């Protein structure tokens, strides 16, 4: 689950920002770092995996998001149902 943004931040493909505190046009609940995910929720069949996927990354406390690479963010793999 993500929230669509009509006027996204630089480098973001129409996914609304998630901030530590909710604001007008911003979702709240993010940790105080620059590289948290904009994913709000993940439906995962095994217990505990969702929490690990959304919080299992090395937090970067400050800096510009544009200076970070793909390995600086959490990874959510594709989940296929057969």
PDB file of N, CA and C in Angstrom:
ATOM      1  N   UNK A   1       0.851  -1.167   0.000  1.00  0.00           N
ATOM      2  CA  UNK A   1       0.000   0.000   0.000  1.00  0.00           C
ATOM      3  C   UNK A   1       0.893   1.225   0.000  1.00  0.00           C
ATOM      4  N   UNK A   2       0.626   2.129  -0.916  1.00  0.00           N
ATOM      5  CA  UNK A   2       1.310   3.424  -0.985  1.00  0.00           C
ATOM      6  C   UNK A   2       0.245   4.481  -1.244  1.00  0.00           C
ATOM      7  N   UNK A   3       0.616   5.735  -1.148  1.00  0.00           N
ATOM      8  CA  UNK A   3      -0.307   6.821  -1.402  1.00  0.00           C
ATOM      9  C   UNK A   3       0.159   7.586  -2.640  1.00  0.00           C
ATOM     10  N   UNK A   4      -0.744   7.793  -3.590  1.00  0.00           N
ATOM     11  CA  UNK A   4      -0.411   8.472  -4.849  1.00  0.00           C
ATOM     12  C   UNK A   4      -0.253   9.970  -4.609  1.00  0.00           C
ATOM     13  N   UNK A   5       0.750  10.560  -5.241  1.00  0.00           N
ATOM     14  CA  UNK A   5       1.052  11.985  -5.106  1.00  0.00           C
ATOM     15  C   UNK A   5       0.973  12.658  -6.468  1.00  0.00           C
ATOM     16  N   UNK A   6       0.167  13.684  -6.578  1.00  0.00           N
ATOM     17  CA  UNK A   6       0.032  14.419  -7.833  1.00  0.00           C
ATOM     18  C   UNK A   6       1.214  15.321  -8.128  1.00  0.00           C
ATOM     19  N   UNK A   7       1.914  15.773  -7.089  1.00  0.00           N
ATOM     20  CA  UNK A   7       3.059  16.663  -7.238  1.00  0.00           C
ATOM     21  C   UNK A   7       4.215  16.083  -6.424  1.00  0.00           C
ATOM     22  N   UNK A   8       4.874  15.017  -6.933  1.00  0.00           N
ATOM     23  CA  UNK A   8       5.866  14.288  -6.146  1.00  0.00           C
ATOM     24  C   UNK A   8       7.159  15.059  -5.913  1.00  0.00           C
ATOM     25  N   UNK A   9       7.894  14.645  -4.875  1.00  0.00           N
ATOM     26  CA  UNK A   9       9.222  15.174  -4.613  1.00  0.00           C
ATOM     27  C   UNK A   9      10.150  14.775  -5.754  1.00  0.00           C
ATOM     28  N   UNK A  10      11.256  15.472  -5.862  1.00  0.00           N
ATOM     29  CA  UNK A  10      12.246  15.168  -6.890  1.00  0.00           C
ATOM     30  C   UNK A  10      12.700  13.715  -6.787  1.00  0.00           C
ATOM     31  N   UNK A  11      12.738  13.015  -7.928  1.00  0.00           N
ATOM     32  CA  UNK A  11      13.210  11.645  -7.960  1.00  0.00           C
ATOM     33  C   UNK A  11      12.208  10.599  -7.527  1.00  0.00           C
ATOM     34  N   UNK A  12      10.999  10.995  -7.198  1.00  0.00           N
ATOM     35  CA  UNK A  12       9.980  10.057  -6.723  1.00  0.00           C
ATOM     36  C   UNK A  12       8.893   9.950  -7.781  1.00  0.00           C
ATOM     37  N   UNK A  13       8.522   8.747  -8.116  1.00  0.00           N
ATOM     38  CA  UNK A  13       7.545   8.525  -9.173  1.00  0.00           C
ATOM     39  C   UNK A  13       6.123   8.496  -8.633  1.00  0.00           C
ATOM     40  N   UNK A  14       5.620   9.661  -8.286  1.00  0.00           N
ATOM     41  CA  UNK A  14       4.226   9.843  -7.893  1.00  0.00           C
ATOM     42  C   UNK A  14       3.810   9.053  -6.654  1.00  0.00           C
ATOM     43  N   UNK A  15       4.749   8.836  -5.742  1.00  0.00           N
ATOM     44  CA  UNK A  15       4.435   8.191  -4.475  1.00  0.00           C
ATOM     45  C   UNK A  15       4.587   9.235  -3.380  1.00  0.00           C
ATOM     46  N   UNK A  16       3.551   9.393  -2.585  1.00  0.00           N
ATOM     47  CA  UNK A  16       3.519  10.413  -1.541  1.00  0.00           C
ATOM     48  C   UNK A  16       4.578  10.179  -0.474  1.00  0.00           C
ATOM     49  N   UNK A  17       5.169  11.265   0.034  1.00  0.00           N
ATOM     50  CA  UNK A  17       6.156  11.183   1.108  1.00  0.00           C
ATOM     51  C   UNK A  17       5.512  10.689   2.395  1.00  0.00           C
ATOM     52  N   UNK A  18       6.304   9.993   3.205  1.00  0.00           N
ATOM     53  CA  UNK A  18       5.896   9.576   4.543  1.00  0.00           C
ATOM     54  C   UNK A  18       6.824  10.294   5.509  1.00  0.00           C
ATOM     55  N   UNK A  19       6.267  11.097   6.379  1.00  0.00           N
ATOM     56  CA  UNK A  19       7.020  11.917   7.318  1.00  0.00           C
ATOM     57  C   UNK A  19       6.838  11.382   8.743  1.00  0.00           C
ATOM     58  N   UNK A  20       7.686  11.798   9.693  1.00  0.00           N
ATOM     59  CA  UNK A  20       7.493  11.362  11.080  1.00  0.00           C
ATOM     60  C   UNK A  20       6.111  11.751  11.642  1.00  0.00           C
ATOM     61  N   UNK A  21       5.634  12.952  11.318  1.00  0.00           N
ATOM     62  CA  UNK A  21       4.311  13.396  11.778  1.00  0.00           C
ATOM     63  C   UNK A  21       3.434  13.697  10.560  1.00  0.00           C
ATOM     64  N   UNK A  22       2.170  13.321  10.643  1.00  0.00           N
ATOM     65  CA  UNK A  22       1.243  13.577   9.542  1.00  0.00           C
ATOM     66  C   UNK A  22       1.085  15.076   9.316  1.00  0.00           C
ATOM     67  N   UNK A  23       0.982  15.456   8.059  1.00  0.00           N
ATOM     68  CA  UNK A  23       0.768  16.838   7.657  1.00  0.00           C
ATOM     69  C   UNK A  23      -0.238  16.827   6.516  1.00  0.00           C
ATOM     70  N   UNK A  24      -0.665  18.005   6.096  1.00  0.00           N
ATOM     71  CA  UNK A  24      -1.545  18.039   4.934  1.00  0.00           C
ATOM     72  C   UNK A  24      -0.788  17.464   3.743  1.00  0.00           C
ATOM     73  N   UNK A  25      -1.352  16.497   3.069  1.00  0.00           N
ATOM     74  CA  UNK A  25      -0.794  15.833   1.898  1.00  0.00           C
ATOM     75  C   UNK A  25       0.456  15.006   2.212  1.00  0.00           C
ATOM     76  N   UNK A  26       0.698  14.655   3.462  1.00  0.00           N
ATOM     77  CA  UNK A  26       1.824  13.806   3.848  1.00  0.00           C
ATOM     78  C   UNK A  26       1.343  12.773   4.847  1.00  0.00           C
ATOM     79  N   UNK A  27       1.744  11.524   4.644  1.00  0.00           N
ATOM     80  CA  UNK A  27       1.408  10.433   5.547  1.00  0.00           C
ATOM     81  C   UNK A  27       2.358  10.499   6.736  1.00  0.00           C
ATOM     82  N   UNK A  28       1.899  10.189   7.939  1.00  0.00           N
ATOM     83  CA  UNK A  28       2.749  10.201   9.127  1.00  0.00           C
ATOM     84  C   UNK A  28       3.158   8.808   9.545  1.00  0.00           C
ATOM     85  N   UNK A  29       4.141   8.733  10.450  1.00  0.00           N
ATOM     86  CA  UNK A  29       4.558   7.467  11.024  1.00  0.00           C
ATOM     87  C   UNK A  29       5.941   6.999  10.614  1.00  0.00           C
ATOM     88  N   UNK A  30       6.689   7.798   9.866  1.00  0.00           N
ATOM     89  CA  UNK A  30       8.029   7.397   9.428  1.00  0.00           C
ATOM     90  C   UNK A  30       9.043   7.569  10.545  1.00  0.00           C
ATOM     91  N   UNK A  31      10.119   6.757  10.543  1.00  0.00           N
ATOM     92  CA  UNK A  31      11.207   6.986  11.482  1.00  0.00           C
ATOM     93  C   UNK A  31      11.964   8.268  11.103  1.00  0.00           C
ATOM     94  N   UNK A  32      12.771   8.778  12.009  1.00  0.00           N
ATOM     95  CA  UNK A  32      13.518  10.015  11.770  1.00  0.00           C
ATOM     96  C   UNK A  32      14.821   9.707  11.029  1.00  0.00           C
ATOM     97  N   UNK A  33      14.719   9.342   9.764  1.00  0.00           N
ATOM     98  CA  UNK A  33      15.886   9.136   8.920  1.00  0.00           C
ATOM     99  C   UNK A  33      15.540   9.574   7.503  1.00  0.00           C
ATOM    100  N   UNK A  34      16.518   9.600   6.618  1.00  0.00           N
ATOM    101  CA  UNK A  34      16.254  10.073   5.253  1.00  0.00           C
ATOM    102  C   UNK A  34      15.969   8.947   4.264  1.00  0.00           C
ATOM    103  N   UNK A  35      16.195   7.702   4.654  1.00  0.00           N
ATOM    104  CA  UNK A  35      16.063   6.610   3.692  1.00  0.00           C
ATOM    105  C   UNK A  35      14.975   5.597   4.037  1.00  0.00           C
ATOM    106  N   UNK A  36      13.956   6.024   4.787  1.00  0.00           N
ATOM    107  CA  UNK A  36      12.837   5.119   5.064  1.00  0.00           C
ATOM    108  C   UNK A  36      11.981   4.957   3.808  1.00  0.00           C
ATOM    109  N   UNK A  37      11.221   3.896   3.796  1.00  0.00           N
ATOM    110  CA  UNK A  37      10.390   3.587   2.640  1.00  0.00           C
ATOM    111  C   UNK A  37       9.128   4.451   2.607  1.00  0.00           C
ATOM    112  N   UNK A  38       8.571   4.594   1.426  1.00  0.00           N
ATOM    113  CA  UNK A  38       7.272   5.254   1.261  1.00  0.00           C
ATOM    114  C   UNK A  38       6.155   4.212   1.214  1.00  0.00           C
ATOM    115  N   UNK A  39       6.518   2.958   1.423  1.00  0.00           N
ATOM    116  CA  UNK A  39       5.517   1.889   1.473  1.00  0.00           C
ATOM    117  C   UNK A  39       4.860   1.918   2.845  1.00  0.00           C
ATOM    118  N   UNK A  40       3.544   1.969   2.876  1.00  0.00           N
ATOM    119  CA  UNK A  40       2.805   2.052   4.130  1.00  0.00           C
ATOM    120  C   UNK A  40       2.524   0.668   4.695  1.00  0.00           C
ATOM    121  N   UNK A  41       2.216  -0.279   3.831  1.00  0.00           N
ATOM    122  CA  UNK A  41       1.866  -1.617   4.292  1.00  0.00           C
ATOM    123  C   UNK A  41       2.175  -2.628   3.195  1.00  0.00           C
ATOM    124  N   UNK A  42       2.504  -3.858   3.614  1.00  0.00           N
ATOM    125  CA  UNK A  42       2.776  -4.957   2.697  1.00  0.00           C
ATOM    126  C   UNK A  42       1.981  -6.167   3.181  1.00  0.00           C
ATOM    127  N   UNK A  43       1.238  -6.792   2.293  1.00  0.00           N
ATOM    128  CA  UNK A  43       0.520  -8.021   2.645  1.00  0.00           C
ATOM    129  C   UNK A  43       1.462  -9.190   2.381  1.00  0.00           C
ATOM    130  N   UNK A  44       1.959  -9.807   3.433  1.00  0.00           N
ATOM    131  CA  UNK A  44       2.900 -10.923   3.302  1.00  0.00           C
ATOM    132  C   UNK A  44       2.342 -12.115   4.054  1.00  0.00           C
ATOM    133  N   UNK A  45       2.364 -13.300   3.470  1.00  0.00           N
ATOM    134  CA  UNK A  45       1.703 -14.443   4.095  1.00  0.00           C
ATOM    135  C   UNK A  45       2.343 -14.928   5.408  1.00  0.00           C
ATOM    136  N   UNK A  46       3.663 -14.859   5.530  1.00  0.00           N
ATOM    137  CA  UNK A  46       4.311 -15.341   6.754  1.00  0.00           C
ATOM    138  C   UNK A  46       4.378 -14.238   7.800  1.00  0.00           C
ATOM    139  N   UNK A  47       4.101 -14.594   9.048  1.00  0.00           N
ATOM    140  CA  UNK A  47       4.130 -13.628  10.154  1.00  0.00           C
ATOM    141  C   UNK A  47       5.544 -13.086  10.356  1.00  0.00           C
ATOM    142  N   UNK A  48       5.645 -11.787  10.622  1.00  0.00           N
ATOM    143  CA  UNK A  48       6.915 -11.151  10.931  1.00  0.00           C
ATOM    144  C   UNK A  48       7.717 -10.678   9.737  1.00  0.00           C
ATOM    145  N   UNK A  49       7.416 -11.174   8.548  1.00  0.00           N
ATOM    146  CA  UNK A  49       8.192 -10.794   7.363  1.00  0.00           C
ATOM    147  C   UNK A  49       7.905  -9.338   6.978  1.00  0.00           C
ATOM    148  N   UNK A  50       6.656  -8.925   7.059  1.00  0.00           N
ATOM    149  CA  UNK A  50       6.287  -7.559   6.712  1.00  0.00           C
ATOM    150  C   UNK A  50       7.095  -6.552   7.524  1.00  0.00           C
ATOM    151  N   UNK A  51       7.172  -6.747   8.806  1.00  0.00           N
ATOM    152  CA  UNK A  51       7.903  -5.832   9.677  1.00  0.00           C
ATOM    153  C   UNK A  51       9.379  -5.785   9.303  1.00  0.00           C
ATOM    154  N   UNK A  52       9.970  -6.942   9.028  1.00  0.00           N
ATOM    155  CA  UNK A  52      11.390  -6.990   8.656  1.00  0.00           C
ATOM    156  C   UNK A  52      11.639  -6.286   7.324  1.00  0.00           C
ATOM    157  N   UNK A  53      10.755  -6.479   6.359  1.00  0.00           N
ATOM    158  CA  UNK A  53      10.929  -5.850   5.055  1.00  0.00           C
ATOM    159  C   UNK A  53      10.874  -4.332   5.148  1.00  0.00           C
ATOM    160  N   UNK A  54       9.948  -3.812   5.929  1.00  0.00           N
ATOM    161  CA  UNK A  54       9.763  -2.364   6.000  1.00  0.00           C
ATOM    162  C   UNK A  54      10.723  -1.672   6.954  1.00  0.00           C
ATOM    163  N   UNK A  55      11.347  -2.403   7.868  1.00  0.00           N
ATOM    164  CA  UNK A  55      12.251  -1.755   8.831  1.00  0.00           C
ATOM    165  C   UNK A  55      13.672  -2.314   8.795  1.00  0.00           C
ATOM    166  N   UNK A  56      13.946  -3.310   7.979  1.00  0.00           N
ATOM    167  CA  UNK A  56      15.255  -3.961   7.957  1.00  0.00           C
ATOM    168  C   UNK A  56      16.239  -3.300   7.012  1.00  0.00           C
ATOM    169  N   UNK A  57      16.637  -2.100   7.302  1.00  0.00           N
ATOM    170  CA  UNK A  57      17.616  -1.384   6.487  1.00  0.00           C
ATOM    171  C   UNK A  57      18.495  -0.570   7.421  1.00  0.00           C
ATOM    172  N   UNK A  58      19.674  -0.188   6.954  1.00  0.00           N
ATOM    173  CA  UNK A  58      20.574   0.640   7.760  1.00  0.00           C
ATOM    174  C   UNK A  58      20.131   2.090   7.656  1.00  0.00           C
ATOM    175  N   UNK A  59      19.730   2.658   8.774  1.00  0.00           N
ATOM    176  CA  UNK A  59      19.194   4.021   8.774  1.00  0.00           C
ATOM    177  C   UNK A  59      20.299   5.059   8.577  1.00  0.00           C
ATOM    178  N   UNK A  60      20.005   6.044   7.731  1.00  0.00           N
ATOM    179  CA  UNK A  60      20.908   7.166   7.490  1.00  0.00           C
ATOM    180  C   UNK A  60      20.217   8.393   8.057  1.00  0.00           C
ATOM    181  N   UNK A  61      20.831   8.981   9.084  1.00  0.00           N
ATOM    182  CA  UNK A  61      20.183  10.041   9.861  1.00  0.00           C
ATOM    183  C   UNK A  61      20.053  11.366   9.124  1.00  0.00           C
ATOM    184  N   UNK A  62      20.983  11.696   8.253  1.00  0.00           N
ATOM    185  CA  UNK A  62      20.909  13.000   7.593  1.00  0.00           C
ATOM    186  C   UNK A  62      21.510  12.916   6.195  1.00  0.00           C
ATOM    187  N   UNK A  63      21.282  13.950   5.431  1.00  0.00           N
ATOM    188  CA  UNK A  63      21.786  14.003   4.060  1.00  0.00           C
ATOM    189  C   UNK A  63      20.648  14.212   3.081  1.00  0.00           C
ATOM    190  N   UNK A  64      20.991  14.146   1.822  1.00  0.00           N
ATOM    191  CA  UNK A  64      19.994  14.334   0.761  1.00  0.00           C
ATOM    192  C   UNK A  64      19.637  12.980   0.163  1.00  0.00           C
ATOM    193  N   UNK A  65      18.373  12.737  -0.031  1.00  0.00           N
ATOM    194  CA  UNK A  65      17.925  11.475  -0.601  1.00  0.00           C
ATOM    195  C   UNK A  65      18.471  11.284  -2.020  1.00  0.00           C
ATOM    196  N   UNK A  66      18.699  12.388  -2.733  1.00  0.00           N
ATOM    197  CA  UNK A  66      19.236  12.304  -4.092  1.00  0.00           C
ATOM    198  C   UNK A  66      20.667  11.776  -4.124  1.00  0.00           C
ATOM    199  N   UNK A  67      21.380  11.826  -3.004  1.00  0.00           N
ATOM    200  CA  UNK A  67      22.764  11.338  -2.943  1.00  0.00           C
ATOM    201  C   UNK A  67      22.851   9.853  -2.588  1.00  0.00           C
ATOM    202  N   UNK A  68      21.724   9.208  -2.336  1.00  0.00           N
ATOM    203  CA  UNK A  68      21.720   7.806  -1.935  1.00  0.00           C
ATOM    204  C   UNK A  68      21.526   6.885  -3.133  1.00  0.00           C
ATOM    205  N   UNK A  69      22.000   5.664  -3.002  1.00  0.00           N
ATOM    206  CA  UNK A  69      21.842   4.666  -4.053  1.00  0.00           C
ATOM    207  C   UNK A  69      20.816   3.617  -3.669  1.00  0.00           C
ATOM    208  N   UNK A  70      20.528   2.677  -4.544  1.00  0.00           N
ATOM    209  CA  UNK A  70      19.510   1.663  -4.271  1.00  0.00           C
ATOM    210  C   UNK A  70      19.806   0.808  -3.044  1.00  0.00           C
ATOM    211  N   UNK A  71      21.077   0.566  -2.754  1.00  0.00           N
ATOM    212  CA  UNK A  71      21.429  -0.270  -1.602  1.00  0.00           C
ATOM    213  C   UNK A  71      21.252   0.438  -0.267  1.00  0.00           C
ATOM    214  N   UNK A  72      20.931   1.728  -0.292  1.00  0.00           N
ATOM    215  CA  UNK A  72      20.720   2.490   0.937  1.00  0.00           C
ATOM    216  C   UNK A  72      19.279   2.410   1.440  1.00  0.00           C
ATOM    217  N   UNK A  73      18.426   1.657   0.759  1.00  0.00           N
ATOM    218  CA  UNK A  73      17.017   1.557   1.109  1.00  0.00           C
ATOM    219  C   UNK A  73      16.635   0.108   1.397  1.00  0.00           C
ATOM    220  N   UNK A  74      15.531  -0.070   2.091  1.00  0.00           N
ATOM    221  CA  UNK A  74      15.009  -1.407   2.314  1.00  0.00           C
ATOM    222  C   UNK A  74      14.561  -2.026   0.997  1.00  0.00           C
ATOM    223  N   UNK A  75      14.526  -3.332   0.954  1.00  0.00           N
ATOM    224  CA  UNK A  75      14.150  -4.038  -0.266  1.00  0.00           C
ATOM    225  C   UNK A  75      12.928  -4.906   0.014  1.00  0.00           C
ATOM    226  N   UNK A  76      11.923  -4.773  -0.823  1.00  0.00           N
ATOM    227  CA  UNK A  76      10.733  -5.619  -0.736  1.00  0.00           C
ATOM    228  C   UNK A  76      10.708  -6.469  -2.003  1.00  0.00           C
ATOM    229  N   UNK A  77      10.967  -7.782  -1.877  1.00  0.00           N
ATOM    230  CA  UNK A  77      10.972  -8.636  -3.066  1.00  0.00           C
ATOM    231  C   UNK A  77       9.550  -8.867  -3.590  1.00  0.00           C
ATOM    232  N   UNK A  78       9.460  -9.256  -4.837  1.00  0.00           N
ATOM    233  CA  UNK A  78       8.162  -9.611  -5.399  1.00  0.00           C
ATOM    234  C   UNK A  78       7.683 -10.897  -4.739  1.00  0.00           C
ATOM    235  N   UNK A  79       6.417 -10.957  -4.446  1.00  0.00           N
ATOM    236  CA  UNK A  79       5.823 -12.127  -3.823  1.00  0.00           C
ATOM    237  C   UNK A  79       4.822 -12.709  -4.817  1.00  0.00           C
ATOM    238  N   UNK A  80       5.097 -13.902  -5.303  1.00  0.00           N
ATOM    239  CA  UNK A  80       4.194 -14.509  -6.275  1.00  0.00           C
ATOM    240  C   UNK A  80       3.376 -15.621  -5.613  1.00  0.00           C
ATOM    241  N   UNK A  81       2.171 -15.763  -6.084  1.00  0.00           N
ATOM    242  CA  UNK A  81       1.277 -16.797  -5.582  1.00  0.00           C
ATOM    243  C   UNK A  81       1.067 -17.791  -6.729  1.00  0.00           C
ATOM    244  N   UNK A  82       1.349 -19.042  -6.451  1.00  0.00           N
ATOM    245  CA  UNK A  82       1.197 -20.048  -7.506  1.00  0.00           C
ATOM    246  C   UNK A  82       0.058 -20.982  -7.210  1.00  0.00           C
TER     247      UNK A  82
END
